[in-house]
Amino acid sequence: MNAHTIKDSPTTGKTYTCVLNEQPLYDATVESTKGCWATVKVVQPLPGKFSNQYKPGQVFDIKVQLYDFIEK
């Protein structure tokens, strides 16, 4: 894993709406960040064609540079 910090990286402990390719996917709390990666915990999936792919409480890693984060 890369250890450098990404500018505008999400902050551990905060909750964000996670947006990929202009599509809001879910609200999630950032559990940790390390370099280009963040571990997120889904609070709630958002309506849309991908809503069935996410469940509250689901935890996984995402590549920060691919997402936009809108702080809640």
C-alpha atoms as a PDB file:
ATOM      1  CA  MET A   1       0.000   0.000   0.000  1.00  0.00           C
ATOM      2  CA  ASN A   2       1.196   3.519  -0.744  1.00  0.00           C
ATOM      3  CA  ALA A   3       1.794   5.621   2.356  1.00  0.00           C
ATOM      4  CA  HIS A   4       1.631   9.108   0.867  1.00  0.00           C
ATOM      5  CA  THR A   5      -1.321  11.344   1.720  1.00  0.00           C
ATOM      6  CA  ILE A   6      -3.755  12.434  -0.972  1.00  0.00           C
ATOM      7  CA  LYS A   7      -4.759  16.105  -1.018  1.00  0.00           C
ATOM      8  CA  ASP A   8      -8.454  16.424  -0.099  1.00  0.00           C
ATOM      9  CA  SER A   9      -8.385  12.969   1.444  1.00  0.00           C
ATOM     10  CA  PRO A  10     -11.433  12.173   3.609  1.00  0.00           C
ATOM     11  CA  THR A  11     -10.986  12.487   7.372  1.00  0.00           C
ATOM     12  CA  THR A  12     -11.121   9.430   9.617  1.00  0.00           C
ATOM     13  CA  GLY A  13     -14.265   9.424  11.757  1.00  0.00           C
ATOM     14  CA  LYS A  14     -16.297  11.728   9.517  1.00  0.00           C
ATOM     15  CA  THR A  15     -19.321  10.704   7.461  1.00  0.00           C
ATOM     16  CA  TYR A  16     -19.538  11.442   3.751  1.00  0.00           C
ATOM     17  CA  THR A  17     -21.738  10.811   0.775  1.00  0.00           C
ATOM     18  CA  CYS A  18     -19.441   8.822  -1.528  1.00  0.00           C
ATOM     19  CA  VAL A  19     -19.834   9.700  -5.197  1.00  0.00           C
ATOM     20  CA  LEU A  20     -18.332   7.690  -8.064  1.00  0.00           C
ATOM     21  CA  ASN A  21     -18.568   8.989 -11.643  1.00  0.00           C
ATOM     22  CA  GLU A  22     -21.114  11.633 -10.546  1.00  0.00           C
ATOM     23  CA  GLN A  23     -23.352   8.889  -9.045  1.00  0.00           C
ATOM     24  CA  PRO A  24     -23.956   9.140  -5.265  1.00  0.00           C
ATOM     25  CA  LEU A  25     -23.622   5.539  -4.049  1.00  0.00           C
ATOM     26  CA  TYR A  26     -23.854   5.553  -0.257  1.00  0.00           C
ATOM     27  CA  ASP A  27     -23.311   7.504   2.936  1.00  0.00           C
ATOM     28  CA  ALA A  28     -20.320   6.083   4.806  1.00  0.00           C
ATOM     29  CA  THR A  29     -18.121   6.757   7.805  1.00  0.00           C
ATOM     30  CA  VAL A  30     -14.382   6.702   7.149  1.00  0.00           C
ATOM     31  CA  GLU A  31     -12.853   4.085   9.437  1.00  0.00           C
ATOM     32  CA  SER A  32      -9.229   4.734   8.426  1.00  0.00           C
ATOM     33  CA  THR A  33      -7.066   6.111   5.644  1.00  0.00           C
ATOM     34  CA  LYS A  34      -3.679   4.978   4.405  1.00  0.00           C
ATOM     35  CA  GLY A  35      -2.140   6.624   1.396  1.00  0.00           C
ATOM     36  CA  CYS A  36      -4.420   6.251  -1.626  1.00  0.00           C
ATOM     37  CA  TRP A  37      -6.879   4.029   0.241  1.00  0.00           C
ATOM     38  CA  ALA A  38      -9.679   4.537   2.751  1.00  0.00           C
ATOM     39  CA  THR A  39     -11.631   1.957   4.713  1.00  0.00           C
ATOM     40  CA  VAL A  40     -15.295   2.956   4.825  1.00  0.00           C
ATOM     41  CA  LYS A  41     -18.330   1.632   6.681  1.00  0.00           C
ATOM     42  CA  VAL A  42     -21.660   2.065   4.887  1.00  0.00           C
ATOM     43  CA  VAL A  43     -24.260   3.973   6.901  1.00  0.00           C
ATOM     44  CA  GLN A  44     -26.925   3.765   4.215  1.00  0.00           C
ATOM     45  CA  PRO A  45     -27.038   2.995   0.505  1.00  0.00           C
ATOM     46  CA  LEU A  46     -28.547   5.756  -1.618  1.00  0.00           C
ATOM     47  CA  PRO A  47     -31.337   5.292  -4.147  1.00  0.00           C
ATOM     48  CA  GLY A  48     -30.148   4.373  -7.619  1.00  0.00           C
ATOM     49  CA  LYS A  49     -29.166   1.468  -9.788  1.00  0.00           C
ATOM     50  CA  PHE A  50     -26.417   0.366  -7.354  1.00  0.00           C
ATOM     51  CA  SER A  51     -28.428   0.528  -4.112  1.00  0.00           C
ATOM     52  CA  ASN A  52     -28.743  -3.281  -3.915  1.00  0.00           C
ATOM     53  CA  GLN A  53     -24.947  -3.683  -3.889  1.00  0.00           C
ATOM     54  CA  TYR A  54     -24.451  -1.959  -0.525  1.00  0.00           C
ATOM     55  CA  LYS A  55     -25.750  -2.824   2.951  1.00  0.00           C
ATOM     56  CA  PRO A  56     -25.609  -0.799   6.185  1.00  0.00           C
ATOM     57  CA  GLY A  57     -22.602  -1.904   8.232  1.00  0.00           C
ATOM     58  CA  GLN A  58     -20.664  -3.218   5.217  1.00  0.00           C
ATOM     59  CA  VAL A  59     -16.942  -2.351   5.506  1.00  0.00           C
ATOM     60  CA  PHE A  60     -14.502  -2.242   2.581  1.00  0.00           C
ATOM     61  CA  ASP A  61     -11.541  -0.362   1.107  1.00  0.00           C
ATOM     62  CA  ILE A  62     -11.880   2.192  -1.673  1.00  0.00           C
ATOM     63  CA  LYS A  63      -9.307   4.045  -3.754  1.00  0.00           C
ATOM     64  CA  VAL A  64      -9.705   7.674  -2.660  1.00  0.00           C
ATOM     65  CA  GLN A  65      -8.792   9.326  -5.968  1.00  0.00           C
ATOM     66  CA  LEU A  66     -11.733   7.658  -7.747  1.00  0.00           C
ATOM     67  CA  TYR A  67     -14.383   9.189  -5.452  1.00  0.00           C
ATOM     68  CA  ASP A  68     -15.759  12.570  -4.537  1.00  0.00           C
ATOM     69  CA  PHE A  69     -16.595  12.954  -0.851  1.00  0.00           C
ATOM     70  CA  ILE A  70     -19.395  15.246   0.287  1.00  0.00           C
ATOM     71  CA  GLU A  71     -19.212  15.765   4.042  1.00  0.00           C
ATOM     72  CA  LYS A  72     -22.462  15.162   5.910  1.00  0.00           C
END
